[in-house]
Amino acid sequence: LNYLVMEAAQTDGRLARRPLQDMNKEIQAHKILSSLFIQLIEERNATIMSLDSCDSSSLCERLPVRRQMAQDLLHGELRILKSASAWLENYCFSLT
């Protein structure tokens, strides 16, 4: 990841703007990022499930608008994370 950061600093600041010179480090860095995205996806899924399973005596039932807002936000984050994860997976596959 440090190599990605160094190369981003030399250009316009974007990560993975162009491939690293060392292809093995490129693949390894993207797999690390992919595993982090997978972890974030799992966390969001678990939170969404916990919001779905709130019982009637809980705070979730007393504040349905906030609960729905939280679910909508988490679903949006989940969609973005899944898209980024799929892109990384396809990118790594194309490098091998």
PDB file of N, CA and C in Angstrom:
ATOM      1  N   LEU A   1       0.822  -1.196   0.000  1.00  0.00           N
ATOM      2  CA  LEU A   1       0.000   0.000   0.000  1.00  0.00           C
ATOM      3  C   LEU A   1       0.858   1.250   0.000  1.00  0.00           C
ATOM      4  N   ASN A   2       1.998   1.156   0.666  1.00  0.00           N
ATOM      5  CA  ASN A   2       2.906   2.308   0.685  1.00  0.00           C
ATOM      6  C   ASN A   2       3.384   2.663  -0.713  1.00  0.00           C
ATOM      7  N   TYR A   3       3.607   1.662  -1.564  1.00  0.00           N
ATOM      8  CA  TYR A   3       4.009   1.932  -2.937  1.00  0.00           C
ATOM      9  C   TYR A   3       2.910   2.658  -3.703  1.00  0.00           C
ATOM     10  N   LEU A   4       1.649   2.271  -3.458  1.00  0.00           N
ATOM     11  CA  LEU A   4       0.537   2.970  -4.091  1.00  0.00           C
ATOM     12  C   LEU A   4       0.501   4.435  -3.656  1.00  0.00           C
ATOM     13  N   VAL A   5       0.710   4.668  -2.370  1.00  0.00           N
ATOM     14  CA  VAL A   5       0.692   6.029  -1.835  1.00  0.00           C
ATOM     15  C   VAL A   5       1.837   6.846  -2.429  1.00  0.00           C
ATOM     16  N   MET A   6       3.034   6.247  -2.517  1.00  0.00           N
ATOM     17  CA  MET A   6       4.182   6.954  -3.085  1.00  0.00           C
ATOM     18  C   MET A   6       3.923   7.346  -4.537  1.00  0.00           C
ATOM     19  N   GLU A   7       3.380   6.429  -5.315  1.00  0.00           N
ATOM     20  CA  GLU A   7       3.102   6.732  -6.715  1.00  0.00           C
ATOM     21  C   GLU A   7       1.977   7.756  -6.847  1.00  0.00           C
ATOM     22  N   ALA A   8       0.995   7.697  -5.968  1.00  0.00           N
ATOM     23  CA  ALA A   8      -0.088   8.688  -6.006  1.00  0.00           C
ATOM     24  C   ALA A   8       0.449  10.076  -5.698  1.00  0.00           C
ATOM     25  N   ALA A   9       1.402  10.159  -4.779  1.00  0.00           N
ATOM     26  CA  ALA A   9       1.998  11.446  -4.417  1.00  0.00           C
ATOM     27  C   ALA A   9       2.780  12.039  -5.584  1.00  0.00           C
ATOM     28  N   GLN A  10       3.280  11.205  -6.460  1.00  0.00           N
ATOM     29  CA  GLN A  10       4.065  11.680  -7.599  1.00  0.00           C
ATOM     30  C   GLN A  10       3.175  12.143  -8.744  1.00  0.00           C
ATOM     31  N   THR A  11       1.892  11.805  -8.708  1.00  0.00           N
ATOM     32  CA  THR A  11       0.984  12.189  -9.797  1.00  0.00           C
ATOM     33  C   THR A  11      -0.097  13.116  -9.255  1.00  0.00           C
ATOM     34  N   ASP A  12      -1.328  12.835  -9.551  1.00  0.00           N
ATOM     35  CA  ASP A  12      -2.424  13.709  -9.135  1.00  0.00           C
ATOM     36  C   ASP A  12      -3.050  13.323  -7.800  1.00  0.00           C
ATOM     37  N   GLY A  13      -2.465  12.371  -7.097  1.00  0.00           N
ATOM     38  CA  GLY A  13      -2.938  12.001  -5.768  1.00  0.00           C
ATOM     39  C   GLY A  13      -3.904  10.851  -5.714  1.00  0.00           C
ATOM     40  N   ARG A  14      -4.316  10.343  -6.847  1.00  0.00           N
ATOM     41  CA  ARG A  14      -5.256   9.227  -6.858  1.00  0.00           C
ATOM     42  C   ARG A  14      -4.512   7.909  -6.725  1.00  0.00           C
ATOM     43  N   LEU A  15      -5.079   7.029  -5.917  1.00  0.00           N
ATOM     44  CA  LEU A  15      -4.512   5.689  -5.790  1.00  0.00           C
ATOM     45  C   LEU A  15      -4.813   4.890  -7.040  1.00  0.00           C
ATOM     46  N   ALA A  16      -3.873   4.067  -7.433  1.00  0.00           N
ATOM     47  CA  ALA A  16      -4.047   3.137  -8.553  1.00  0.00           C
ATOM     48  C   ALA A  16      -4.400   3.845  -9.857  1.00  0.00           C
ATOM     49  N   ARG A  17      -3.916   5.048 -10.014  1.00  0.00           N
ATOM     50  CA  ARG A  17      -4.164   5.798 -11.250  1.00  0.00           C
ATOM     51  C   ARG A  17      -3.521   5.092 -12.441  1.00  0.00           C
ATOM     52  N   ARG A  18      -2.374   4.509 -12.182  1.00  0.00           N
ATOM     53  CA  ARG A  18      -1.683   3.699 -13.185  1.00  0.00           C
ATOM     54  C   ARG A  18      -1.036   2.533 -12.464  1.00  0.00           C
ATOM     55  N   PRO A  19      -0.761   1.453 -13.155  1.00  0.00           N
ATOM     56  CA  PRO A  19      -0.187   0.267 -12.490  1.00  0.00           C
ATOM     57  C   PRO A  19       1.186   0.558 -11.889  1.00  0.00           C
ATOM     58  N   LEU A  20       1.468  -0.134 -10.799  1.00  0.00           N
ATOM     59  CA  LEU A  20       2.806  -0.038 -10.210  1.00  0.00           C
ATOM     60  C   LEU A  20       3.815  -0.680 -11.149  1.00  0.00           C
ATOM     61  N   GLN A  21       5.055  -0.294 -11.002  1.00  0.00           N
ATOM     62  CA  GLN A  21       6.090  -0.883 -11.840  1.00  0.00           C
ATOM     63  C   GLN A  21       6.313  -2.346 -11.487  1.00  0.00           C
ATOM     64  N   ASP A  22       6.137  -2.695 -10.219  1.00  0.00           N
ATOM     65  CA  ASP A  22       6.284  -4.087  -9.768  1.00  0.00           C
ATOM     66  C   ASP A  22       4.890  -4.726  -9.731  1.00  0.00           C
ATOM     67  N   MET A  23       4.618  -5.605 -10.671  1.00  0.00           N
ATOM     68  CA  MET A  23       3.286  -6.201 -10.812  1.00  0.00           C
ATOM     69  C   MET A  23       2.883  -7.016  -9.582  1.00  0.00           C
ATOM     70  N   ASN A  24       3.837  -7.704  -8.949  1.00  0.00           N
ATOM     71  CA  ASN A  24       3.510  -8.484  -7.748  1.00  0.00           C
ATOM     72  C   ASN A  24       3.026  -7.581  -6.624  1.00  0.00           C
ATOM     73  N   LYS A  25       3.677  -6.430  -6.462  1.00  0.00           N
ATOM     74  CA  LYS A  25       3.247  -5.490  -5.423  1.00  0.00           C
ATOM     75  C   LYS A  25       1.900  -4.876  -5.782  1.00  0.00           C
ATOM     76  N   GLU A  26       1.669  -4.678  -7.052  1.00  0.00           N
ATOM     77  CA  GLU A  26       0.376  -4.171  -7.526  1.00  0.00           C
ATOM     78  C   GLU A  26      -0.749  -5.120  -7.118  1.00  0.00           C
ATOM     79  N   ILE A  27      -0.579  -6.378  -7.428  1.00  0.00           N
ATOM     80  CA  ILE A  27      -1.600  -7.378  -7.111  1.00  0.00           C
ATOM     81  C   ILE A  27      -1.773  -7.506  -5.604  1.00  0.00           C
ATOM     82  N   GLN A  28      -0.680  -7.554  -4.879  1.00  0.00           N
ATOM     83  CA  GLN A  28      -0.744  -7.691  -3.424  1.00  0.00           C
ATOM     84  C   GLN A  28      -1.463  -6.488  -2.792  1.00  0.00           C
ATOM     85  N   ALA A  29      -1.152  -5.294  -3.230  1.00  0.00           N
ATOM     86  CA  ALA A  29      -1.789  -4.097  -2.678  1.00  0.00           C
ATOM     87  C   ALA A  29      -3.296  -4.104  -2.942  1.00  0.00           C
ATOM     88  N   HIS A  30      -3.676  -4.488  -4.145  1.00  0.00           N
ATOM     89  CA  HIS A  30      -5.102  -4.502  -4.468  1.00  0.00           C
ATOM     90  C   HIS A  30      -5.840  -5.620  -3.736  1.00  0.00           C
ATOM     91  N   LYS A  31      -5.182  -6.713  -3.488  1.00  0.00           N
ATOM     92  CA  LYS A  31      -5.816  -7.781  -2.710  1.00  0.00           C
ATOM     93  C   LYS A  31      -6.009  -7.355  -1.256  1.00  0.00           C
ATOM     94  N   ILE A  32      -5.070  -6.590  -0.720  1.00  0.00           N
ATOM     95  CA  ILE A  32      -5.231  -6.052   0.639  1.00  0.00           C
ATOM     96  C   ILE A  32      -6.444  -5.124   0.677  1.00  0.00           C
ATOM     97  N   LEU A  33      -6.535  -4.235  -0.301  1.00  0.00           N
ATOM     98  CA  LEU A  33      -7.687  -3.334  -0.371  1.00  0.00           C
ATOM     99  C   LEU A  33      -8.989  -4.119  -0.521  1.00  0.00           C
ATOM    100  N   SER A  34      -8.961  -5.140  -1.347  1.00  0.00           N
ATOM    101  CA  SER A  34     -10.146  -5.970  -1.547  1.00  0.00           C
ATOM    102  C   SER A  34     -10.585  -6.638  -0.253  1.00  0.00           C
ATOM    103  N   SER A  35      -9.634  -7.148   0.514  1.00  0.00           N
ATOM    104  CA  SER A  35      -9.989  -7.798   1.782  1.00  0.00           C
ATOM    105  C   SER A  35     -10.582  -6.791   2.765  1.00  0.00           C
ATOM    106  N   LEU A  36     -10.094  -5.556   2.730  1.00  0.00           N
ATOM    107  CA  LEU A  36     -10.678  -4.518   3.590  1.00  0.00           C
ATOM    108  C   LEU A  36     -12.107  -4.193   3.159  1.00  0.00           C
ATOM    109  N   PHE A  37     -12.345  -4.129   1.857  1.00  0.00           N
ATOM    110  CA  PHE A  37     -13.700  -3.897   1.376  1.00  0.00           C
ATOM    111  C   PHE A  37     -14.627  -5.031   1.791  1.00  0.00           C
ATOM    112  N   ILE A  38     -14.153  -6.260   1.699  1.00  0.00           N
ATOM    113  CA  ILE A  38     -14.968  -7.414   2.096  1.00  0.00           C
ATOM    114  C   ILE A  38     -15.334  -7.321   3.576  1.00  0.00           C
ATOM    115  N   GLN A  39     -14.375  -6.929   4.403  1.00  0.00           N
ATOM    116  CA  GLN A  39     -14.641  -6.766   5.834  1.00  0.00           C
ATOM    117  C   GLN A  39     -15.698  -5.679   6.064  1.00  0.00           C
ATOM    118  N   LEU A  40     -15.575  -4.561   5.361  1.00  0.00           N
ATOM    119  CA  LEU A  40     -16.558  -3.487   5.498  1.00  0.00           C
ATOM    120  C   LEU A  40     -17.942  -3.925   5.022  1.00  0.00           C
ATOM    121  N   ILE A  41     -17.986  -4.707   3.960  1.00  0.00           N
ATOM    122  CA  ILE A  41     -19.261  -5.241   3.449  1.00  0.00           C
ATOM    123  C   ILE A  41     -19.919  -6.126   4.500  1.00  0.00           C
ATOM    124  N   GLU A  42     -19.140  -6.997   5.114  1.00  0.00           N
ATOM    125  CA  GLU A  42     -19.678  -7.882   6.151  1.00  0.00           C
ATOM    126  C   GLU A  42     -20.201  -7.090   7.343  1.00  0.00           C
ATOM    127  N   GLU A  43     -19.471  -6.040   7.730  1.00  0.00           N
ATOM    128  CA  GLU A  43     -19.915  -5.208   8.845  1.00  0.00           C
ATOM    129  C   GLU A  43     -21.230  -4.509   8.519  1.00  0.00           C
ATOM    130  N   ARG A  44     -21.347  -3.961   7.310  1.00  0.00           N
ATOM    131  CA  ARG A  44     -22.583  -3.277   6.919  1.00  0.00           C
ATOM    132  C   ARG A  44     -23.746  -4.256   6.868  1.00  0.00           C
ATOM    133  N   ASN A  45     -23.512  -5.457   6.318  1.00  0.00           N
ATOM    134  CA  ASN A  45     -24.567  -6.473   6.272  1.00  0.00           C
ATOM    135  C   ASN A  45     -25.053  -6.821   7.669  1.00  0.00           C
ATOM    136  N   ALA A  46     -24.128  -6.995   8.596  1.00  0.00           N
ATOM    137  CA  ALA A  46     -24.497  -7.343   9.975  1.00  0.00           C
ATOM    138  C   ALA A  46     -25.310  -6.221  10.616  1.00  0.00           C
ATOM    139  N   THR A  47     -24.928  -4.988  10.369  1.00  0.00           N
ATOM    140  CA  THR A  47     -25.657  -3.860  10.945  1.00  0.00           C
ATOM    141  C   THR A  47     -27.056  -3.758  10.357  1.00  0.00           C
ATOM    142  N   ILE A  48     -27.165  -3.952   9.055  1.00  0.00           N
ATOM    143  CA  ILE A  48     -28.484  -3.920   8.407  1.00  0.00           C
ATOM    144  C   ILE A  48     -29.372  -5.015   8.986  1.00  0.00           C
ATOM    145  N   MET A  49     -28.818  -6.204   9.169  1.00  0.00           N
ATOM    146  CA  MET A  49     -29.594  -7.307   9.733  1.00  0.00           C
ATOM    147  C   MET A  49     -30.038  -6.992  11.158  1.00  0.00           C
ATOM    148  N   SER A  50     -29.173  -6.342  11.937  1.00  0.00           N
ATOM    149  CA  SER A  50     -29.552  -6.006  13.312  1.00  0.00           C
ATOM    150  C   SER A  50     -30.655  -4.952  13.327  1.00  0.00           C
ATOM    151  N   LEU A  51     -30.616  -4.027  12.364  1.00  0.00           N
ATOM    152  CA  LEU A  51     -31.697  -3.042  12.279  1.00  0.00           C
ATOM    153  C   LEU A  51     -33.008  -3.689  11.849  1.00  0.00           C
ATOM    154  N   ASP A  52     -32.917  -4.686  10.972  1.00  0.00           N
ATOM    155  CA  ASP A  52     -34.109  -5.399  10.519  1.00  0.00           C
ATOM    156  C   ASP A  52     -34.752  -6.210  11.640  1.00  0.00           C
ATOM    157  N   SER A  53     -33.938  -6.647  12.605  1.00  0.00           N
ATOM    158  CA  SER A  53     -34.457  -7.537  13.646  1.00  0.00           C
ATOM    159  C   SER A  53     -34.791  -6.815  14.945  1.00  0.00           C
ATOM    160  N   CYS A  54     -34.925  -5.499  14.913  1.00  0.00           N
ATOM    161  CA  CYS A  54     -35.284  -4.760  16.128  1.00  0.00           C
ATOM    162  C   CYS A  54     -36.674  -5.180  16.596  1.00  0.00           C
ATOM    163  N   ASP A  55     -36.809  -5.372  17.908  1.00  0.00           N
ATOM    164  CA  ASP A  55     -38.129  -5.746  18.436  1.00  0.00           C
ATOM    165  C   ASP A  55     -38.950  -4.495  18.771  1.00  0.00           C
ATOM    166  N   SER A  56     -40.204  -4.698  19.115  1.00  0.00           N
ATOM    167  CA  SER A  56     -41.128  -3.567  19.295  1.00  0.00           C
ATOM    168  C   SER A  56     -40.797  -2.702  20.506  1.00  0.00           C
ATOM    169  N   SER A  57     -40.075  -3.202  21.487  1.00  0.00           N
ATOM    170  CA  SER A  57     -39.779  -2.400  22.665  1.00  0.00           C
ATOM    171  C   SER A  57     -38.458  -1.636  22.527  1.00  0.00           C
ATOM    172  N   SER A  58     -37.812  -1.775  21.431  1.00  0.00           N
ATOM    173  CA  SER A  58     -36.496  -1.157  21.274  1.00  0.00           C
ATOM    174  C   SER A  58     -36.595   0.281  20.789  1.00  0.00           C
ATOM    175  N   LEU A  59     -35.474   0.956  20.827  1.00  0.00           N
ATOM    176  CA  LEU A  59     -35.358   2.324  20.335  1.00  0.00           C
ATOM    177  C   LEU A  59     -35.682   2.389  18.847  1.00  0.00           C
ATOM    178  N   CYS A  60     -35.358   1.323  18.130  1.00  0.00           N
ATOM    179  CA  CYS A  60     -35.625   1.280  16.686  1.00  0.00           C
ATOM    180  C   CYS A  60     -37.109   1.444  16.392  1.00  0.00           C
ATOM    181  N   GLU A  61     -37.949   0.845  17.218  1.00  0.00           N
ATOM    182  CA  GLU A  61     -39.396   0.919  16.995  1.00  0.00           C
ATOM    183  C   GLU A  61     -39.923   2.311  17.328  1.00  0.00           C
ATOM    184  N   ARG A  62     -39.312   2.957  18.305  1.00  0.00           N
ATOM    185  CA  ARG A  62     -39.784   4.285  18.707  1.00  0.00           C
ATOM    186  C   ARG A  62     -39.310   5.376  17.744  1.00  0.00           C
ATOM    187  N   LEU A  63     -38.285   5.112  16.994  1.00  0.00           N
ATOM    188  CA  LEU A  63     -37.765   6.100  16.046  1.00  0.00           C
ATOM    189  C   LEU A  63     -37.684   5.499  14.646  1.00  0.00           C
ATOM    190  N   PRO A  64     -38.833   5.176  14.037  1.00  0.00           N
ATOM    191  CA  PRO A  64     -38.822   4.473  12.743  1.00  0.00           C
ATOM    192  C   PRO A  64     -38.184   5.284  11.616  1.00  0.00           C
ATOM    193  N   VAL A  65     -38.303   6.608  11.647  1.00  0.00           N
ATOM    194  CA  VAL A  65     -37.725   7.428  10.579  1.00  0.00           C
ATOM    195  C   VAL A  65     -36.200   7.352  10.631  1.00  0.00           C
ATOM    196  N   ARG A  66     -35.640   7.449  11.820  1.00  0.00           N
ATOM    197  CA  ARG A  66     -34.181   7.358  11.955  1.00  0.00           C
ATOM    198  C   ARG A  66     -33.683   5.967  11.577  1.00  0.00           C
ATOM    199  N   ARG A  67     -34.449   4.970  11.950  1.00  0.00           N
ATOM    200  CA  ARG A  67     -34.088   3.594  11.591  1.00  0.00           C
ATOM    201  C   ARG A  67     -34.057   3.433  10.072  1.00  0.00           C
ATOM    202  N   GLN A  68     -35.067   3.958   9.408  1.00  0.00           N
ATOM    203  CA  GLN A  68     -35.128   3.865   7.948  1.00  0.00           C
ATOM    204  C   GLN A  68     -33.984   4.658   7.307  1.00  0.00           C
ATOM    205  N   MET A  69     -33.677   5.817   7.847  1.00  0.00           N
ATOM    206  CA  MET A  69     -32.567   6.619   7.331  1.00  0.00           C
ATOM    207  C   MET A  69     -31.247   5.871   7.478  1.00  0.00           C
ATOM    208  N   ALA A  70     -31.057   5.237   8.621  1.00  0.00           N
ATOM    209  CA  ALA A  70     -29.835   4.461   8.850  1.00  0.00           C
ATOM    210  C   ALA A  70     -29.742   3.293   7.869  1.00  0.00           C
ATOM    211  N   GLN A  71     -30.871   2.618   7.655  1.00  0.00           N
ATOM    212  CA  GLN A  71     -30.881   1.500   6.704  1.00  0.00           C
ATOM    213  C   GLN A  71     -30.576   1.982   5.288  1.00  0.00           C
ATOM    214  N   ASP A  72     -31.167   3.093   4.892  1.00  0.00           N
ATOM    215  CA  ASP A  72     -30.929   3.622   3.551  1.00  0.00           C
ATOM    216  C   ASP A  72     -29.462   3.999   3.365  1.00  0.00           C
ATOM    217  N   LEU A  73     -28.886   4.633   4.371  1.00  0.00           N
ATOM    218  CA  LEU A  73     -27.478   5.001   4.313  1.00  0.00           C
ATOM    219  C   LEU A  73     -26.590   3.765   4.208  1.00  0.00           C
ATOM    220  N   LEU A  74     -26.867   2.770   5.022  1.00  0.00           N
ATOM    221  CA  LEU A  74     -26.078   1.543   4.994  1.00  0.00           C
ATOM    222  C   LEU A  74     -26.223   0.803   3.672  1.00  0.00           C
ATOM    223  N   HIS A  75     -27.423   0.789   3.115  1.00  0.00           N
ATOM    224  CA  HIS A  75     -27.627   0.143   1.813  1.00  0.00           C
ATOM    225  C   HIS A  75     -26.837   0.870   0.724  1.00  0.00           C
ATOM    226  N   GLY A  76     -26.787   2.191   0.791  1.00  0.00           N
ATOM    227  CA  GLY A  76     -25.999   2.957  -0.169  1.00  0.00           C
ATOM    228  C   GLY A  76     -24.518   2.665  -0.045  1.00  0.00           C
ATOM    229  N   GLU A  77     -24.018   2.656   1.190  1.00  0.00           N
ATOM    230  CA  GLU A  77     -22.612   2.316   1.416  1.00  0.00           C
ATOM    231  C   GLU A  77     -22.308   0.910   0.918  1.00  0.00           C
ATOM    232  N   LEU A  78     -23.215   0.004   1.185  1.00  0.00           N
ATOM    233  CA  LEU A  78     -23.037  -1.386   0.776  1.00  0.00           C
ATOM    234  C   LEU A  78     -22.952  -1.501  -0.745  1.00  0.00           C
ATOM    235  N   ARG A  79     -23.791  -0.780  -1.445  1.00  0.00           N
ATOM    236  CA  ARG A  79     -23.783  -0.806  -2.911  1.00  0.00           C
ATOM    237  C   ARG A  79     -22.435  -0.295  -3.448  1.00  0.00           C
ATOM    238  N   ILE A  80     -21.922   0.778  -2.865  1.00  0.00           N
ATOM    239  CA  ILE A  80     -20.644   1.337  -3.299  1.00  0.00           C
ATOM    240  C   ILE A  80     -19.502   0.376  -2.983  1.00  0.00           C
ATOM    241  N   LEU A  81     -19.510  -0.192  -1.780  1.00  0.00           N
ATOM    242  CA  LEU A  81     -18.456  -1.133  -1.395  1.00  0.00           C
ATOM    243  C   LEU A  81     -18.456  -2.373  -2.280  1.00  0.00           C
ATOM    244  N   LYS A  82     -19.635  -2.879  -2.597  1.00  0.00           N
ATOM    245  CA  LYS A  82     -19.715  -4.055  -3.466  1.00  0.00           C
ATOM    246  C   LYS A  82     -19.206  -3.729  -4.867  1.00  0.00           C
ATOM    247  N   SER A  83     -19.516  -2.558  -5.352  1.00  0.00           N
ATOM    248  CA  SER A  83     -19.045  -2.144  -6.673  1.00  0.00           C
ATOM    249  C   SER A  83     -17.524  -2.024  -6.678  1.00  0.00           C
ATOM    250  N   ALA A  84     -16.957  -1.383  -5.663  1.00  0.00           N
ATOM    251  CA  ALA A  84     -15.510  -1.231  -5.573  1.00  0.00           C
ATOM    252  C   ALA A  84     -14.825  -2.583  -5.418  1.00  0.00           C
ATOM    253  N   SER A  85     -15.416  -3.458  -4.635  1.00  0.00           N
ATOM    254  CA  SER A  85     -14.856  -4.790  -4.431  1.00  0.00           C
ATOM    255  C   SER A  85     -14.866  -5.590  -5.727  1.00  0.00           C
ATOM    256  N   ALA A  86     -15.959  -5.502  -6.477  1.00  0.00           N
ATOM    257  CA  ALA A  86     -16.046  -6.208  -7.759  1.00  0.00           C
ATOM    258  C   ALA A  86     -15.019  -5.664  -8.743  1.00  0.00           C
ATOM    259  N   TRP A  87     -14.841  -4.343  -8.754  1.00  0.00           N
ATOM    260  CA  TRP A  87     -13.844  -3.750  -9.644  1.00  0.00           C
ATOM    261  C   TRP A  87     -12.447  -4.254  -9.293  1.00  0.00           C
ATOM    262  N   LEU A  88     -12.123  -4.251  -7.995  1.00  0.00           N
ATOM    263  CA  LEU A  88     -10.804  -4.727  -7.563  1.00  0.00           C
ATOM    264  C   LEU A  88     -10.595  -6.190  -7.922  1.00  0.00           C
ATOM    265  N   GLU A  89     -11.612  -6.998  -7.726  1.00  0.00           N
ATOM    266  CA  GLU A  89     -11.507  -8.419  -8.054  1.00  0.00           C
ATOM    267  C   GLU A  89     -11.246  -8.611  -9.550  1.00  0.00           C
ATOM    268  N   ASN A  90     -11.996  -7.900 -10.375  1.00  0.00           N
ATOM    269  CA  ASN A  90     -11.803  -7.995 -11.824  1.00  0.00           C
ATOM    270  C   ASN A  90     -10.438  -7.458 -12.244  1.00  0.00           C
ATOM    271  N   TYR A  91     -10.009  -6.376 -11.600  1.00  0.00           N
ATOM    272  CA  TYR A  91      -8.718  -5.788 -11.926  1.00  0.00           C
ATOM    273  C   TYR A  91      -7.587  -6.770 -11.593  1.00  0.00           C
ATOM    274  N   CYS A  92      -7.642  -7.355 -10.399  1.00  0.00           N
ATOM    275  CA  CYS A  92      -6.613  -8.323 -10.002  1.00  0.00           C
ATOM    276  C   CYS A  92      -6.625  -9.542 -10.937  1.00  0.00           C
ATOM    277  N   PHE A  93      -7.819  -9.978 -11.316  1.00  0.00           N
ATOM    278  CA  PHE A  93      -7.935 -11.121 -12.228  1.00  0.00           C
ATOM    279  C   PHE A  93      -7.298 -10.795 -13.576  1.00  0.00           C
ATOM    280  N   SER A  94      -7.482  -9.552 -14.041  1.00  0.00           N
ATOM    281  CA  SER A  94      -6.922  -9.176 -15.350  1.00  0.00           C
ATOM    282  C   SER A  94      -5.402  -9.075 -15.312  1.00  0.00           C
ATOM    283  N   LEU A  95      -4.832  -8.893 -14.124  1.00  0.00           N
ATOM    284  CA  LEU A  95      -3.372  -8.786 -14.008  1.00  0.00           C
ATOM    285  C   LEU A  95      -2.692 -10.152 -13.964  1.00  0.00           C
ATOM    286  N   THR A  96      -3.451 -11.190 -13.639  1.00  0.00           N
ATOM    287  CA  THR A  96      -2.845 -12.518 -13.509  1.00  0.00           C
ATOM    288  C   THR A  96      -2.987 -13.327 -14.774  1.00  0.00           C
TER     289      THR A  96
END
